[in-house]
Protein backbone atom coordinates (compact mmCIF):
# COMPACT_ATOMS: atom_id res chain seq x y z
CA MET A 1 -0.22 0.21 -0.02
CA LYS A 2 2.72 2.28 -0.22
CA PRO A 3 2.94 5.17 -0.98
CA LEU A 4 -0.25 6.40 -0.01
CA LYS A 5 -0.46 9.37 -1.76
CA ASP A 6 -3.74 9.84 -4.06
CA ARG A 7 -5.09 6.59 -2.22
CA LEU A 8 -8.67 6.96 -1.25
CA VAL A 9 -9.43 6.31 2.07
CA LEU A 10 -12.36 6.04 4.22
CA ILE A 11 -12.82 6.32 7.99
CA THR A 12 -15.95 5.88 9.89
CA GLY A 13 -15.90 7.33 13.68
CA ALA A 14 -13.78 10.05 12.50
CA ALA A 15 -14.83 13.19 14.12
CA SER A 16 -12.78 12.54 16.81
CA GLY A 17 -10.39 10.37 18.64
CA ILE A 18 -8.53 7.77 16.86
CA GLY A 19 -10.83 8.39 13.51
CA LEU A 20 -9.86 11.98 13.53
CA GLU A 21 -6.14 11.13 14.06
CA CYS A 22 -6.01 8.31 11.51
CA GLY A 23 -7.68 11.30 9.08
CA ARG A 24 -4.70 13.20 9.85
CA SER A 25 -2.15 10.90 9.54
CA PHE A 26 -3.39 9.46 6.23
CA ALA A 27 -3.49 13.03 5.02
CA LYS A 28 0.23 13.93 5.81
CA ARG A 29 1.19 10.95 3.24
CA GLY A 30 -0.95 12.77 0.67
CA ALA A 31 -4.31 10.37 0.51
CA ARG A 32 -7.78 11.43 -0.40
CA LEU A 33 -10.03 11.34 2.57
CA VAL A 34 -13.56 10.34 3.25
CA ILE A 35 -14.65 10.72 6.86
CA SER A 36 -17.72 9.71 8.31
CA ASP A 37 -19.38 9.85 11.61
CA ILE A 38 -22.92 10.25 12.99
CA ASN A 39 -22.13 13.71 14.64
CA ALA A 40 -22.53 15.74 11.63
CA GLU A 41 -21.56 18.73 13.61
CA ALA A 42 -18.43 17.41 14.65
CA LEU A 43 -17.69 15.74 11.38
CA GLU A 44 -18.06 18.86 9.64
CA THR A 45 -15.62 20.81 12.17
CA ALA A 46 -13.23 17.67 11.21
CA ARG A 47 -13.56 18.70 7.73
CA LEU A 48 -12.86 21.80 7.73
CA GLU A 49 -9.84 21.40 10.15
CA LEU A 50 -8.46 18.71 7.51
CA THR A 51 -8.99 20.71 4.12
CA ALA A 52 -7.39 23.62 6.00
CA GLY A 53 -4.36 21.73 6.32
CA GLY A 54 -4.51 20.90 2.68
CA ALA A 55 -6.10 17.68 2.92
CA ARG A 56 -8.40 16.45 0.19
CA CYS A 57 -11.08 15.69 2.19
CA ASP A 58 -15.18 14.60 1.77
CA ALA A 59 -17.20 14.45 5.09
CA ILE A 60 -20.63 12.27 4.85
CA ALA A 61 -22.62 11.68 7.96
CA CYS A 62 -23.19 7.81 8.59
CA ASP A 63 -24.63 5.64 11.20
CA VAL A 64 -22.95 2.44 10.73
CA ALA A 65 -25.71 0.82 12.81
CA SER A 66 -27.98 1.15 10.08
CA GLU A 67 -27.58 -0.71 6.93
CA ASP A 68 -29.46 1.60 4.48
CA SER A 69 -27.19 4.44 5.98
CA VAL A 70 -24.12 2.46 4.88
CA ASN A 71 -25.55 1.64 1.96
CA GLU A 72 -26.35 5.26 1.24
CA LEU A 73 -22.73 6.01 2.13
CA ALA A 74 -21.15 3.64 -0.22
CA ALA A 75 -23.35 4.79 -3.20
CA ALA A 76 -22.28 8.28 -2.71
CA VAL A 77 -18.66 7.44 -2.46
CA LYS A 78 -18.84 5.56 -5.35
CA ARG A 79 -20.56 7.86 -7.34
CA GLU A 80 -18.92 10.98 -6.64
CA ILE A 81 -15.55 9.82 -5.64
CA GLY A 82 -14.23 6.35 -6.48
CA THR A 83 -13.40 2.98 -5.23
CA VAL A 84 -12.07 2.72 -1.60
CA ASP A 85 -8.36 1.54 -1.11
CA VAL A 86 -8.22 1.74 2.43
CA LEU A 87 -11.46 1.11 4.39
CA VAL A 88 -11.02 1.79 8.16
CA ASN A 89 -13.68 0.39 10.31
CA ASN A 90 -12.78 2.38 13.63
CA ALA A 91 -16.86 3.94 15.14
CA GLY A 92 -17.15 2.54 18.50
CA VAL A 93 -19.18 2.82 21.78
CA ALA A 94 -18.58 1.53 25.13
CA PHE A 95 -20.65 0.86 28.69
CA LEU A 96 -19.06 0.41 31.88
CA GLY A 97 -21.09 -2.05 34.39
CA SER A 98 -20.84 -5.34 35.66
CA PHE A 99 -22.64 -7.90 33.36
CA GLU A 100 -25.49 -8.11 35.77
CA GLU A 101 -26.03 -4.43 35.56
CA THR A 102 -25.89 -4.32 31.57
CA PRO A 103 -29.01 -3.92 30.21
CA LEU A 104 -30.10 -5.71 26.77
CA ALA A 105 -30.45 -2.60 25.26
CA GLN A 106 -26.69 -1.20 26.00
CA TRP A 107 -25.80 -4.78 24.32
CA ARG A 108 -28.03 -4.29 21.30
CA ARG A 109 -26.33 -0.75 21.28
CA ILE A 110 -22.97 -1.98 21.08
CA LEU A 111 -23.28 -5.05 19.14
CA ASP A 112 -25.24 -2.93 16.52
CA ILE A 113 -22.41 -0.52 16.50
CA ASN A 114 -19.27 -2.26 17.26
CA VAL A 115 -19.76 -5.49 15.26
CA LEU A 116 -22.63 -5.04 12.79
CA GLY A 117 -21.37 -1.42 11.80
CA ILE A 118 -18.29 -3.42 10.45
CA VAL A 119 -20.50 -6.11 8.96
CA HIS A 120 -22.39 -3.07 7.33
CA CYS A 121 -19.49 -1.64 5.91
CA VAL A 122 -17.42 -4.59 4.90
CA ASN A 123 -20.61 -5.74 2.78
CA ALA A 124 -21.29 -2.33 1.41
CA PHE A 125 -17.65 -1.50 -0.08
CA LEU A 126 -16.09 -4.89 -0.12
CA PRO A 127 -17.80 -5.69 -3.65
CA SER A 128 -16.45 -2.37 -5.41
CA MET A 129 -13.08 -3.03 -3.94
CA ARG A 130 -12.85 -6.45 -5.43
CA ALA A 131 -13.97 -5.50 -8.51
CA ALA A 132 -11.58 -2.59 -9.17
CA GLY A 133 -8.37 -4.80 -8.46
CA GLY A 134 -4.97 -3.63 -6.75
CA LYS A 135 -4.09 -3.86 -3.40
CA ARG A 136 -6.40 -2.69 -1.09
CA LYS A 137 -6.90 -2.80 2.78
CA ILE A 138 -9.66 -3.20 5.66
CA VAL A 139 -8.52 -1.88 8.77
CA ASN A 140 -10.84 -3.49 11.68
CA VAL A 141 -10.36 -1.79 14.98
CA ALA A 142 -10.87 -3.87 17.98
CA SER A 143 -9.19 -3.34 21.44
CA LEU A 144 -7.01 -4.93 23.93
CA ALA A 145 -10.57 -6.18 25.22
CA GLY A 146 -10.47 -8.35 21.73
CA PHE A 147 -8.37 -10.56 23.58
CA ALA A 148 -7.63 -9.31 27.39
CA PRO A 149 -10.60 -7.45 28.49
CA ALA A 150 -11.19 -5.63 32.00
CA PRO A 151 -14.19 -6.41 34.50
CA ASN A 152 -16.83 -4.10 33.88
CA MET A 153 -16.74 -4.62 30.25
CA SER A 154 -18.81 -7.58 29.25
CA ALA A 155 -20.67 -6.29 26.42
CA TYR A 156 -17.90 -4.04 24.95
CA GLY A 157 -15.46 -7.00 25.57
CA ALA A 158 -17.81 -9.39 23.93
CA SER A 159 -18.10 -6.96 20.62
CA LYS A 160 -14.34 -6.68 20.34
CA HIS A 161 -13.50 -10.31 20.66
CA ALA A 162 -16.17 -10.42 18.05
CA VAL A 163 -14.39 -7.84 15.93
CA VAL A 164 -11.00 -9.81 16.10
CA GLY A 165 -13.24 -13.21 15.10
CA LEU A 166 -14.81 -11.91 12.08
CA SER A 167 -11.39 -9.87 10.99
CA GLU A 168 -9.51 -13.62 10.91
CA VAL A 169 -12.82 -14.93 8.75
CA LEU A 170 -12.46 -12.29 6.64
CA ALA A 171 -8.56 -12.63 6.43
CA LEU A 172 -9.02 -16.21 5.57
CA GLU A 173 -11.72 -15.76 2.95
CA LEU A 174 -9.64 -12.95 1.20
CA HIS A 175 -6.09 -14.69 1.09
CA ASP A 176 -5.72 -15.16 -2.90
CA THR A 177 -7.34 -11.66 -3.29
CA ASP A 178 -5.28 -8.16 -3.48
CA ILE A 179 -7.31 -7.22 -0.40
CA SER A 180 -5.61 -7.68 3.19
CA VAL A 181 -7.33 -7.20 6.31
CA LEU A 182 -5.57 -5.45 9.54
CA ILE A 183 -6.74 -6.31 13.17
CA VAL A 184 -5.87 -3.14 15.25
CA CYS A 185 -6.01 -3.68 19.36
CA PRO A 186 -5.23 -0.18 20.82
CA GLY A 187 -4.52 -0.55 24.71
CA ILE A 188 -5.29 1.98 27.21
CA ILE A 189 -5.84 5.28 24.83
CA ASN A 190 -7.17 8.34 25.95
CA THR A 191 -10.22 9.04 23.30
CA PRO A 192 -13.63 10.50 23.89
CA ILE A 193 -15.12 7.20 24.32
CA VAL A 194 -14.01 7.15 27.75
CA HIS A 195 -15.43 10.21 28.38
CA VAL A 196 -19.01 9.50 26.68
CA SER A 197 -19.38 5.81 27.57
CA GLY A 198 -22.33 5.25 29.77
CA THR A 199 -21.92 3.62 33.05
CA ALA A 200 -24.18 1.38 35.18
CA PRO A 201 -25.94 2.45 38.36
CA GLY A 202 -23.54 0.03 40.32
CA MET A 203 -20.46 2.44 39.38
CA THR A 204 -19.64 4.70 41.99
CA GLU A 205 -18.70 8.43 41.21
CA ALA A 206 -15.57 7.67 42.90
CA GLN A 207 -14.97 4.64 40.81
CA ILE A 208 -15.78 6.73 37.67
CA ALA A 209 -13.32 9.27 38.57
CA LYS A 210 -10.31 6.80 39.18
CA LEU A 211 -10.88 5.13 36.03
CA GLN A 212 -11.06 8.52 34.01
CA LYS A 213 -7.83 9.50 35.84
CA TYR A 214 -6.14 6.21 34.97
CA TYR A 215 -7.36 6.83 31.48
CA ASP A 216 -5.94 10.46 30.97
CA THR A 217 -2.83 9.82 33.29
CA ASP A 218 -1.70 6.16 31.60
CA GLY A 219 -3.53 6.14 28.36
CA CYS A 220 -1.82 7.46 25.53
CA HIS A 221 -2.66 10.12 22.90
CA PRO A 222 -4.90 8.46 20.05
CA SER A 223 -2.59 10.24 17.63
CA ILE A 224 0.39 7.62 18.37
CA VAL A 225 -2.30 4.76 17.63
CA ALA A 226 -2.88 6.58 13.95
CA GLU A 227 0.28 6.77 13.33
CA ASP A 228 1.03 2.62 14.12
CA ILE A 229 -2.26 2.17 11.68
CA VAL A 230 -0.79 3.96 8.91
CA ARG A 231 2.85 2.46 9.07
CA ALA A 232 1.01 -1.13 9.71
CA VAL A 233 -1.19 -0.24 6.19
CA GLU A 234 2.21 0.63 4.31
CA SER A 235 3.69 -2.33 5.52
CA ASP A 236 0.42 -4.71 5.13
CA ALA A 237 0.76 -5.84 8.83
CA ILE A 238 -1.92 -8.06 9.32
CA VAL A 239 -2.23 -7.72 13.40
CA LEU A 240 -1.27 -4.05 15.40
CA PRO A 241 -1.46 -4.23 19.42
CA THR A 242 -0.76 -0.48 20.08
CA GLY A 243 -0.66 1.77 22.70
CA PRO A 244 -0.13 1.08 26.61
CA MET A 245 -0.39 -2.78 27.88
CA ALA A 246 -1.91 -3.95 24.45
CA ARG A 247 1.39 -6.00 23.56
CA VAL A 248 2.00 -6.69 27.32
CA GLY A 249 -1.94 -8.36 27.39
CA TYR A 250 -1.56 -9.77 23.88
CA LEU A 251 1.34 -11.91 24.82
CA LEU A 252 -0.08 -12.73 28.44
CA MET A 253 -3.00 -14.12 27.29
CA ARG A 254 -0.92 -16.49 25.09
CA LEU A 255 1.40 -17.49 27.84
CA SER A 256 -0.67 -18.05 31.08
CA ARG A 257 -4.84 -17.20 30.57
CA ARG A 258 -5.00 -17.77 34.70
CA LEU A 259 -1.81 -15.46 35.13
CA ALA A 260 -2.97 -13.14 32.76
CA ARG A 261 -6.73 -13.24 35.10
CA LYS A 262 -4.93 -12.55 38.11
CA LEU A 263 -3.01 -9.53 37.04
CA THR A 264 -6.13 -7.95 35.43
CA ILE A 265 -8.01 -8.14 38.19
CA SER A 266 -4.89 -6.65 40.61
CA GLY A 267 -4.78 -3.84 37.83
CA ALA A 268 -8.58 -3.53 37.83
CA LYS A 269 -8.89 -2.78 41.87
CA LYS A 270 -5.71 0.29 41.28
CA SER A 271 -7.27 1.78 38.19
CA GLY A 272 -11.03 1.76 38.94
CA TYR A 273 -12.76 -0.95 37.12
CA LEU A 274 -13.43 -2.78 40.51
CA PRO A 275 -14.30 -1.00 43.75
């Protein structure tokens, strides 16, 4: 995928956090951008910033949880811009709380966005990517929680495990094509997803404040993840643990699940996941 100059990169969840930083990083390499987000106002702010910096960037609002909305996005991109070279499935949401305090509505919301959002986007864009030929990349943003989750994130952890599994299957099914799949597993990242996550009633204010402080002080800036993603796309990597604790968690789960659980519980007490 190198060079990325003039390649068409579409990023979901691009109005803030890792998505916006990906826009900045791809733009530095001269890529042509399409950014998308459910928040149309924030998305336009992001577009104005990127174009002011010299990027060629279109912004199209989209709800990835809606198949119709994603199909409309894909049709508009194909009609007005061209075929996507790099599809970055980044949009995601979270909910913090024990399994017993996670409402079914939150399960549905998280799975609709974090898992079916990727399904919708791949369904909508893969056919044209295949037909166009040439090297192309699907980037699915999972999480450290996709293989080493913490307590109080059952729905989020389940969704990110699903993203990892889905991505593995896609990679296998596309093995004899020019389209490859990158699984991104960020660790502790200081992004808006932490600030806007819903929380269960059992999560105390002190617990939430402690957890927020942990992400603010120990989490890395999302620009680090974005730069790692761009480099991984350029080098055609297939798995990317990135940010604090990502590689450690990835290796630890392979070494000893029992030890990983023990250390995770210990860390969860210090960081606020457990009271």
